């Protein structure tokens, strides 16, 4: 089925707290996968940011892992996800807003860092391009964007088939736009970001969580630098606003 023929996936069919519950299980491969992914993104956030926007925040889990010193806002299309995030993670510095597709209501240069974690693979190309242009608009000069998405230049397609067969939630009808390093890097550059890069991370380390949670952490520290050149299951796109 082509991207144009792809039916719109009913994301309301997924329990609003599903991925948050997986994260907080803190045991097993699936949970470690999300812990390791969030840890990698946090490590690449600017050290001195004070204003953060997480686009496609889902149940708010990533923002829930951040400290309270900086202000973070999570936005998502699904009201059920936002209501869950507000209940579980809403604080004076962590806010969540349901926002329809299109232009954000935020002012120009409103944020120091924008994160888009496992979102763009669910969107059509024209929507992704508009989203990144909006992200560029709302970033302050010197602000940073961080994007993660599956790396279809790796063994991810095989891993995805295994996950689809075994997991409660399948990605077969959810993932409609596929990225390799060059495509993600080109997208960042076309959207006006400078000093752009596309590296890869996340390999076998989360699978060691089946034996030991701490062992998986050790393997992640060793493995991620070795995987950055292209073999990691996930892509990390980075760029700055001039």
C-alpha atoms as a PDB file:
ATOM      1  CA  UNK A   1       0.000   0.000   0.000  1.00  0.00           C
ATOM      2  CA  UNK A   2       1.450   3.368  -0.985  1.00  0.00           C
ATOM      3  CA  UNK A   3       1.641   6.364   1.315  1.00  0.00           C
ATOM      4  CA  UNK A   4      -1.204   8.002  -0.614  1.00  0.00           C
ATOM      5  CA  UNK A   5      -3.374   4.896  -0.315  1.00  0.00           C
ATOM      6  CA  UNK A   6      -2.607   4.394   3.372  1.00  0.00           C
ATOM      7  CA  UNK A   7      -5.740   4.673   5.471  1.00  0.00           C
ATOM      8  CA  UNK A   8      -5.593   7.005   8.443  1.00  0.00           C
ATOM      9  CA  UNK A   9      -4.727   4.961  11.504  1.00  0.00           C
ATOM     10  CA  UNK A  10      -7.119   5.223  14.444  1.00  0.00           C
ATOM     11  CA  UNK A  11      -4.723   6.262  17.229  1.00  0.00           C
ATOM     12  CA  UNK A  12      -7.699   6.496  19.568  1.00  0.00           C
ATOM     13  CA  UNK A  13      -7.716   2.695  19.549  1.00  0.00           C
ATOM     14  CA  UNK A  14      -4.494   2.690  21.609  1.00  0.00           C
ATOM     15  CA  UNK A  15      -4.990   3.092  25.336  1.00  0.00           C
ATOM     16  CA  UNK A  16      -3.843   6.593  26.319  1.00  0.00           C
ATOM     17  CA  UNK A  17      -1.494   5.255  28.984  1.00  0.00           C
ATOM     18  CA  UNK A  18      -0.154   2.247  27.090  1.00  0.00           C
ATOM     19  CA  UNK A  19       3.381   3.489  26.398  1.00  0.00           C
ATOM     20  CA  UNK A  20       3.635   5.174  29.780  1.00  0.00           C
ATOM     21  CA  UNK A  21       2.773   1.906  31.508  1.00  0.00           C
ATOM     22  CA  UNK A  22       5.386   0.108  29.415  1.00  0.00           C
ATOM     23  CA  UNK A  23       8.000   2.695  30.428  1.00  0.00           C
ATOM     24  CA  UNK A  24       7.229   2.456  34.129  1.00  0.00           C
ATOM     25  CA  UNK A  25       7.302  -1.312  34.096  1.00  0.00           C
ATOM     26  CA  UNK A  26      11.106  -0.836  34.345  1.00  0.00           C
ATOM     27  CA  UNK A  27      11.679  -4.450  33.425  1.00  0.00           C
ATOM     28  CA  UNK A  28      12.059  -6.287  30.154  1.00  0.00           C
ATOM     29  CA  UNK A  29      13.181  -5.359  26.663  1.00  0.00           C
ATOM     30  CA  UNK A  30      10.294  -3.095  25.621  1.00  0.00           C
ATOM     31  CA  UNK A  31      10.558  -0.934  28.719  1.00  0.00           C
ATOM     32  CA  UNK A  32      14.342  -0.664  28.483  1.00  0.00           C
ATOM     33  CA  UNK A  33      13.998   0.350  24.833  1.00  0.00           C
ATOM     34  CA  UNK A  34      12.090   3.491  25.843  1.00  0.00           C
ATOM     35  CA  UNK A  35      14.355   4.231  28.808  1.00  0.00           C
ATOM     36  CA  UNK A  36      17.443   4.008  26.593  1.00  0.00           C
ATOM     37  CA  UNK A  37      15.876   6.111  23.841  1.00  0.00           C
ATOM     38  CA  UNK A  38      14.855   8.908  26.224  1.00  0.00           C
ATOM     39  CA  UNK A  39      18.269   8.841  27.891  1.00  0.00           C
ATOM     40  CA  UNK A  40      19.964   9.349  24.525  1.00  0.00           C
ATOM     41  CA  UNK A  41      17.712  12.282  23.629  1.00  0.00           C
ATOM     42  CA  UNK A  42      18.215  13.940  27.025  1.00  0.00           C
ATOM     43  CA  UNK A  43      21.985  13.683  26.585  1.00  0.00           C
ATOM     44  CA  UNK A  44      21.728  15.755  23.391  1.00  0.00           C
ATOM     45  CA  UNK A  45      19.500  18.506  24.778  1.00  0.00           C
ATOM     46  CA  UNK A  46      21.236  21.852  25.391  1.00  0.00           C
ATOM     47  CA  UNK A  47      22.610  22.066  28.917  1.00  0.00           C
ATOM     48  CA  UNK A  48      21.243  25.548  29.537  1.00  0.00           C
ATOM     49  CA  UNK A  49      17.778  25.381  27.957  1.00  0.00           C
ATOM     50  CA  UNK A  50      14.869  26.998  29.800  1.00  0.00           C
ATOM     51  CA  UNK A  51      12.008  26.631  27.282  1.00  0.00           C
ATOM     52  CA  UNK A  52      11.267  23.244  25.730  1.00  0.00           C
ATOM     53  CA  UNK A  53       8.521  22.012  23.394  1.00  0.00           C
ATOM     54  CA  UNK A  54       7.857  18.293  22.849  1.00  0.00           C
ATOM     55  CA  UNK A  55       5.794  17.752  19.689  1.00  0.00           C
ATOM     56  CA  UNK A  56       3.696  14.597  19.641  1.00  0.00           C
ATOM     57  CA  UNK A  57       4.193  14.124  23.369  1.00  0.00           C
ATOM     58  CA  UNK A  58       1.676  11.281  23.735  1.00  0.00           C
ATOM     59  CA  UNK A  59       1.098  10.465  27.415  1.00  0.00           C
ATOM     60  CA  UNK A  60       3.844  12.881  28.488  1.00  0.00           C
ATOM     61  CA  UNK A  61       6.373  10.263  29.519  1.00  0.00           C
ATOM     62  CA  UNK A  62       9.457  11.979  28.091  1.00  0.00           C
ATOM     63  CA  UNK A  63       8.686  15.297  29.769  1.00  0.00           C
ATOM     64  CA  UNK A  64       8.066  13.342  32.959  1.00  0.00           C
ATOM     65  CA  UNK A  65      11.735  12.290  32.895  1.00  0.00           C
ATOM     66  CA  UNK A  66      12.936  15.911  32.840  1.00  0.00           C
ATOM     67  CA  UNK A  67      13.753  18.079  35.823  1.00  0.00           C
ATOM     68  CA  UNK A  68      11.588  20.946  37.003  1.00  0.00           C
ATOM     69  CA  UNK A  69      14.185  23.709  36.511  1.00  0.00           C
ATOM     70  CA  UNK A  70      13.144  24.399  32.901  1.00  0.00           C
ATOM     71  CA  UNK A  71       9.673  24.824  31.446  1.00  0.00           C
ATOM     72  CA  UNK A  72       8.456  22.080  29.112  1.00  0.00           C
ATOM     73  CA  UNK A  73       5.258  22.030  27.069  1.00  0.00           C
ATOM     74  CA  UNK A  74       3.992  18.886  25.382  1.00  0.00           C
ATOM     75  CA  UNK A  75       1.528  19.046  22.491  1.00  0.00           C
ATOM     76  CA  UNK A  76      -0.425  16.258  20.838  1.00  0.00           C
ATOM     77  CA  UNK A  77      -3.402  15.807  18.532  1.00  0.00           C
ATOM     78  CA  UNK A  78      -5.073  13.279  20.821  1.00  0.00           C
ATOM     79  CA  UNK A  79      -7.017  14.843  23.673  1.00  0.00           C
ATOM     80  CA  UNK A  80      -7.066  11.551  25.597  1.00  0.00           C
ATOM     81  CA  UNK A  81      -3.258  11.509  25.591  1.00  0.00           C
ATOM     82  CA  UNK A  82      -3.103  15.117  26.793  1.00  0.00           C
ATOM     83  CA  UNK A  83      -5.590  14.514  29.599  1.00  0.00           C
ATOM     84  CA  UNK A  84      -3.539  11.516  30.719  1.00  0.00           C
ATOM     85  CA  UNK A  85      -0.324  13.571  30.587  1.00  0.00           C
ATOM     86  CA  UNK A  86      -1.881  16.367  32.631  1.00  0.00           C
ATOM     87  CA  UNK A  87      -3.022  13.901  35.308  1.00  0.00           C
ATOM     88  CA  UNK A  88       0.279  12.078  35.513  1.00  0.00           C
ATOM     89  CA  UNK A  89       2.879  14.753  34.782  1.00  0.00           C
ATOM     90  CA  UNK A  90       1.272  18.186  34.868  1.00  0.00           C
ATOM     91  CA  UNK A  91       3.129  20.615  37.166  1.00  0.00           C
ATOM     92  CA  UNK A  92       3.890  24.318  37.352  1.00  0.00           C
ATOM     93  CA  UNK A  93       6.721  23.798  34.854  1.00  0.00           C
ATOM     94  CA  UNK A  94       5.375  20.845  32.857  1.00  0.00           C
ATOM     95  CA  UNK A  95       2.281  21.668  30.794  1.00  0.00           C
ATOM     96  CA  UNK A  96       0.397  19.738  28.114  1.00  0.00           C
ATOM     97  CA  UNK A  97      -1.893  21.063  25.418  1.00  0.00           C
ATOM     98  CA  UNK A  98      -4.102  19.449  22.806  1.00  0.00           C
ATOM     99  CA  UNK A  99      -3.323  21.129  19.523  1.00  0.00           C
ATOM    100  CA  UNK A 100      -4.808  20.410  16.084  1.00  0.00           C
ATOM    101  CA  UNK A 101      -2.637  19.915  13.024  1.00  0.00           C
ATOM    102  CA  UNK A 102      -1.376  23.078  11.384  1.00  0.00           C
ATOM    103  CA  UNK A 103       0.359  26.147  12.670  1.00  0.00           C
ATOM    104  CA  UNK A 104       1.169  26.302  16.375  1.00  0.00           C
ATOM    105  CA  UNK A 105      -0.219  29.219  18.367  1.00  0.00           C
ATOM    106  CA  UNK A 106       3.181  29.857  19.948  1.00  0.00           C
ATOM    107  CA  UNK A 107       5.023  33.096  19.239  1.00  0.00           C
ATOM    108  CA  UNK A 108       8.131  33.272  17.083  1.00  0.00           C
ATOM    109  CA  UNK A 109      11.331  32.320  18.945  1.00  0.00           C
ATOM    110  CA  UNK A 110       9.361  30.964  21.914  1.00  0.00           C
ATOM    111  CA  UNK A 111      11.561  27.922  22.652  1.00  0.00           C
ATOM    112  CA  UNK A 112      15.224  26.997  23.136  1.00  0.00           C
ATOM    113  CA  UNK A 113      14.790  23.351  22.153  1.00  0.00           C
ATOM    114  CA  UNK A 114      12.168  21.322  20.294  1.00  0.00           C
ATOM    115  CA  UNK A 115      11.962  17.527  20.510  1.00  0.00           C
ATOM    116  CA  UNK A 116      10.011  15.325  18.089  1.00  0.00           C
ATOM    117  CA  UNK A 117      10.361  11.742  19.317  1.00  0.00           C
ATOM    118  CA  UNK A 118       9.041   8.887  17.153  1.00  0.00           C
ATOM    119  CA  UNK A 119       6.476  11.067  15.376  1.00  0.00           C
ATOM    120  CA  UNK A 120       7.485  11.823  11.798  1.00  0.00           C
ATOM    121  CA  UNK A 121       7.260   8.215  10.628  1.00  0.00           C
ATOM    122  CA  UNK A 122       3.503   8.449  11.328  1.00  0.00           C
ATOM    123  CA  UNK A 123       3.010  11.495   9.062  1.00  0.00           C
ATOM    124  CA  UNK A 124       2.888  12.170   5.341  1.00  0.00           C
ATOM    125  CA  UNK A 125       5.808  14.003   3.796  1.00  0.00           C
ATOM    126  CA  UNK A 126       4.038  17.338   3.292  1.00  0.00           C
ATOM    127  CA  UNK A 127       2.874  17.343   6.908  1.00  0.00           C
ATOM    128  CA  UNK A 128       6.408  16.605   8.128  1.00  0.00           C
ATOM    129  CA  UNK A 129       7.835  19.455   6.070  1.00  0.00           C
ATOM    130  CA  UNK A 130       5.252  21.906   7.440  1.00  0.00           C
ATOM    131  CA  UNK A 131       5.920  20.678  10.965  1.00  0.00           C
ATOM    132  CA  UNK A 132       9.658  21.318  10.718  1.00  0.00           C
ATOM    133  CA  UNK A 133       9.117  24.780   9.262  1.00  0.00           C
ATOM    134  CA  UNK A 134       6.910  25.578  12.264  1.00  0.00           C
ATOM    135  CA  UNK A 135       9.538  24.166  14.599  1.00  0.00           C
ATOM    136  CA  UNK A 136      12.101  26.454  12.976  1.00  0.00           C
ATOM    137  CA  UNK A 137       9.814  29.466  13.397  1.00  0.00           C
ATOM    138  CA  UNK A 138       9.206  28.946  17.109  1.00  0.00           C
ATOM    139  CA  UNK A 139      12.858  28.264  17.964  1.00  0.00           C
ATOM    140  CA  UNK A 140      14.992  31.114  19.236  1.00  0.00           C
ATOM    141  CA  UNK A 141      18.239  31.937  17.396  1.00  0.00           C
ATOM    142  CA  UNK A 142      20.722  29.254  18.389  1.00  0.00           C
ATOM    143  CA  UNK A 143      17.849  26.982  19.402  1.00  0.00           C
ATOM    144  CA  UNK A 144      18.087  23.252  18.740  1.00  0.00           C
ATOM    145  CA  UNK A 145      15.786  20.654  17.231  1.00  0.00           C
ATOM    146  CA  UNK A 146      16.059  16.940  18.062  1.00  0.00           C
ATOM    147  CA  UNK A 147      14.185  14.315  16.049  1.00  0.00           C
ATOM    148  CA  UNK A 148      14.153  10.548  16.442  1.00  0.00           C
ATOM    149  CA  UNK A 149      12.655   8.090  13.976  1.00  0.00           C
ATOM    150  CA  UNK A 150      13.285   4.461  12.963  1.00  0.00           C
ATOM    151  CA  UNK A 151      16.313   3.912  10.733  1.00  0.00           C
ATOM    152  CA  UNK A 152      15.131   2.010   7.673  1.00  0.00           C
ATOM    153  CA  UNK A 153      18.731   1.806   6.518  1.00  0.00           C
ATOM    154  CA  UNK A 154      19.418  -0.670   9.328  1.00  0.00           C
ATOM    155  CA  UNK A 155      17.857  -3.971  10.348  1.00  0.00           C
ATOM    156  CA  UNK A 156      14.884  -2.027  11.715  1.00  0.00           C
ATOM    157  CA  UNK A 157      12.396  -3.419   9.109  1.00  0.00           C
ATOM    158  CA  UNK A 158      13.127  -6.940  10.378  1.00  0.00           C
ATOM    159  CA  UNK A 159      12.826  -5.844  14.000  1.00  0.00           C
ATOM    160  CA  UNK A 160       9.546  -4.096  13.219  1.00  0.00           C
ATOM    161  CA  UNK A 161       8.099  -7.293  11.766  1.00  0.00           C
ATOM    162  CA  UNK A 162       9.012  -9.151  14.945  1.00  0.00           C
ATOM    163  CA  UNK A 163       7.468  -6.436  17.118  1.00  0.00           C
ATOM    164  CA  UNK A 164       4.298  -6.427  15.005  1.00  0.00           C
ATOM    165  CA  UNK A 165       3.947 -10.170  15.498  1.00  0.00           C
ATOM    166  CA  UNK A 166       4.575 -10.172  19.250  1.00  0.00           C
ATOM    167  CA  UNK A 167       3.466  -6.815  20.660  1.00  0.00           C
ATOM    168  CA  UNK A 168      -0.001  -5.680  21.691  1.00  0.00           C
ATOM    169  CA  UNK A 169       0.419  -2.683  19.362  1.00  0.00           C
ATOM    170  CA  UNK A 170       1.470  -3.147  15.719  1.00  0.00           C
ATOM    171  CA  UNK A 171       3.273  -0.530  13.633  1.00  0.00           C
ATOM    172  CA  UNK A 172       2.259  -2.052  10.302  1.00  0.00           C
ATOM    173  CA  UNK A 173      -0.446   0.552   9.641  1.00  0.00           C
ATOM    174  CA  UNK A 174       1.135   3.341  11.699  1.00  0.00           C
ATOM    175  CA  UNK A 175       4.472   3.880   9.976  1.00  0.00           C
ATOM    176  CA  UNK A 176       3.886   5.460   6.573  1.00  0.00           C
ATOM    177  CA  UNK A 177       7.055   7.503   5.894  1.00  0.00           C
ATOM    178  CA  UNK A 178      10.427   5.790   6.067  1.00  0.00           C
ATOM    179  CA  UNK A 179      13.723   7.525   6.780  1.00  0.00           C
ATOM    180  CA  UNK A 180      17.382   6.748   6.244  1.00  0.00           C
ATOM    181  CA  UNK A 181      20.199   9.066   7.332  1.00  0.00           C
ATOM    182  CA  UNK A 182      20.430  11.060   4.096  1.00  0.00           C
ATOM    183  CA  UNK A 183      16.710  11.690   3.853  1.00  0.00           C
ATOM    184  CA  UNK A 184      16.502  12.968   7.424  1.00  0.00           C
ATOM    185  CA  UNK A 185      19.568  15.168   6.983  1.00  0.00           C
ATOM    186  CA  UNK A 186      18.204  16.631   3.741  1.00  0.00           C
ATOM    187  CA  UNK A 187      14.892  17.369   5.473  1.00  0.00           C
ATOM    188  CA  UNK A 188      16.621  19.286   8.260  1.00  0.00           C
ATOM    189  CA  UNK A 189      18.649  21.343   5.798  1.00  0.00           C
ATOM    190  CA  UNK A 190      15.626  22.160   3.620  1.00  0.00           C
ATOM    191  CA  UNK A 191      13.794  23.327   6.734  1.00  0.00           C
ATOM    192  CA  UNK A 192      16.474  25.928   7.373  1.00  0.00           C
ATOM    193  CA  UNK A 193      18.469  24.261  10.136  1.00  0.00           C
ATOM    194  CA  UNK A 194      22.240  24.713  10.219  1.00  0.00           C
ATOM    195  CA  UNK A 195      24.978  22.450  11.598  1.00  0.00           C
ATOM    196  CA  UNK A 196      22.586  19.596  10.886  1.00  0.00           C
ATOM    197  CA  UNK A 197      23.483  15.968  11.463  1.00  0.00           C
ATOM    198  CA  UNK A 198      21.827  12.565  11.331  1.00  0.00           C
ATOM    199  CA  UNK A 199      23.375   9.811  13.427  1.00  0.00           C
ATOM    200  CA  UNK A 200      22.086   6.439  14.562  1.00  0.00           C
ATOM    201  CA  UNK A 201      21.802   4.777  17.946  1.00  0.00           C
ATOM    202  CA  UNK A 202      20.032   1.938  19.780  1.00  0.00           C
ATOM    203  CA  UNK A 203      21.266  -1.513  18.945  1.00  0.00           C
ATOM    204  CA  UNK A 204      21.354  -4.738  20.929  1.00  0.00           C
ATOM    205  CA  UNK A 205      21.695  -3.110  24.360  1.00  0.00           C
ATOM    206  CA  UNK A 206      17.956  -3.054  25.273  1.00  0.00           C
ATOM    207  CA  UNK A 207      17.734  -6.785  24.593  1.00  0.00           C
ATOM    208  CA  UNK A 208      20.171  -7.466  27.443  1.00  0.00           C
ATOM    209  CA  UNK A 209      17.452  -6.183  29.786  1.00  0.00           C
ATOM    210  CA  UNK A 210      15.963  -9.657  29.534  1.00  0.00           C
ATOM    211  CA  UNK A 211      19.004 -10.786  31.540  1.00  0.00           C
ATOM    212  CA  UNK A 212      19.848  -7.686  33.564  1.00  0.00           C
ATOM    213  CA  UNK A 213      18.573  -4.100  33.556  1.00  0.00           C
ATOM    214  CA  UNK A 214      22.011  -2.768  34.579  1.00  0.00           C
ATOM    215  CA  UNK A 215      23.807  -4.909  32.010  1.00  0.00           C
ATOM    216  CA  UNK A 216      21.709  -3.252  29.299  1.00  0.00           C
ATOM    217  CA  UNK A 217      22.871   0.169  30.541  1.00  0.00           C
ATOM    218  CA  UNK A 218      26.512  -0.905  30.322  1.00  0.00           C
ATOM    219  CA  UNK A 219      26.075  -2.153  26.769  1.00  0.00           C
ATOM    220  CA  UNK A 220      24.341   1.067  25.758  1.00  0.00           C
ATOM    221  CA  UNK A 221      27.321   3.160  26.892  1.00  0.00           C
ATOM    222  CA  UNK A 222      29.709   1.013  24.874  1.00  0.00           C
ATOM    223  CA  UNK A 223      27.500   0.399  21.862  1.00  0.00           C
ATOM    224  CA  UNK A 224      25.916   3.752  20.962  1.00  0.00           C
ATOM    225  CA  UNK A 225      29.175   5.494  19.942  1.00  0.00           C
ATOM    226  CA  UNK A 226      29.981   2.523  17.702  1.00  0.00           C
ATOM    227  CA  UNK A 227      26.547   2.629  16.075  1.00  0.00           C
ATOM    228  CA  UNK A 228      26.454   6.351  15.270  1.00  0.00           C
ATOM    229  CA  UNK A 229      27.694   5.849  11.719  1.00  0.00           C
ATOM    230  CA  UNK A 230      24.602   4.083  10.441  1.00  0.00           C
ATOM    231  CA  UNK A 231      23.862   0.707  12.024  1.00  0.00           C
ATOM    232  CA  UNK A 232      21.644   1.798  14.934  1.00  0.00           C
ATOM    233  CA  UNK A 233      17.950   0.966  14.825  1.00  0.00           C
ATOM    234  CA  UNK A 234      16.992   4.610  15.450  1.00  0.00           C
ATOM    235  CA  UNK A 235      17.975   7.887  13.808  1.00  0.00           C
ATOM    236  CA  UNK A 236      18.751  11.071  15.727  1.00  0.00           C
ATOM    237  CA  UNK A 237      18.445  14.238  13.672  1.00  0.00           C
ATOM    238  CA  UNK A 238      19.895  17.449  15.121  1.00  0.00           C
ATOM    239  CA  UNK A 239      20.014  21.005  13.862  1.00  0.00           C
ATOM    240  CA  UNK A 240      20.183  24.607  15.001  1.00  0.00           C
ATOM    241  CA  UNK A 241      18.429  27.802  14.041  1.00  0.00           C
ATOM    242  CA  UNK A 242      20.841  30.466  12.820  1.00  0.00           C
END
